[in-house]
Amino acid sequence: MNPKTDFFFDEASQWQKEFEKLRTIALGTELIEDLKWGCPCYTYEGKNIFLIHGFKEYCALLFFKGALMKDPDHILIQQSENVQAARQIRFTDVQQIIDLEKVIRNYMFEAVKIEESGVKVEMKKTKEFEMVEEFQNILENDLILKEAFENLTPGRQRAYLLYFSSAKQSKTREARIEKCIPQIISGKGLND
């Protein structure tokens, strides 16, 4: 147990019993409990294996390299089409966790074996992400913006591309692009 994570378990207004049960299972793996992104994160030799987190509709274990895991019980969930590596096991009550305790433990140990093997998730390159036509047209006509965008880190470029492409209407995409141009030119990411 890491006292830095106690607040997460003690002050949870929702999923408290579920969090406690997941913590008990996680601590049985002898992984190191740490606090990352405001959540209990379990590590092996300094590498993140999984974390416990909660949402309005469910709580979950998130496996950082879940895309590489076998899933014989078909319980791993990709949060969205843009999540490449991580996978979740979601829970809506403590009884589900109790019923799946052996399976959860097996998944935890498999995640450690994957980390030990050194295998990496093959991530899509930034150029493989969709660039909406509206942004492409602006870049073709604004060399300063184009250079500034190309100078951003790949992660910042992806964030903008995903943000622009998630709008369904062209008008919304154009508004998002216009709003972000000053940030891009100043070298900042979407959430900086």
Foldseek 3Di string as FASTA:
>chain_A
DDPVAVCVLPVDPPCNLVVVLVVVLLVVVVFDWDADPNWTFGDDPPHTAWTWADDPQWTWIKGQQVVPDDCPPPQWADPDPQDQGITIRTDRDNVVCVVCSVVVSVRSVRSVVVVVVVDDGDDDFLVPQDADPLNVVVCVVDVLLVVLLVPADSVLNNQLRCVLVVDPDPVVSNVSCVVCSVCSSVRHGPVD
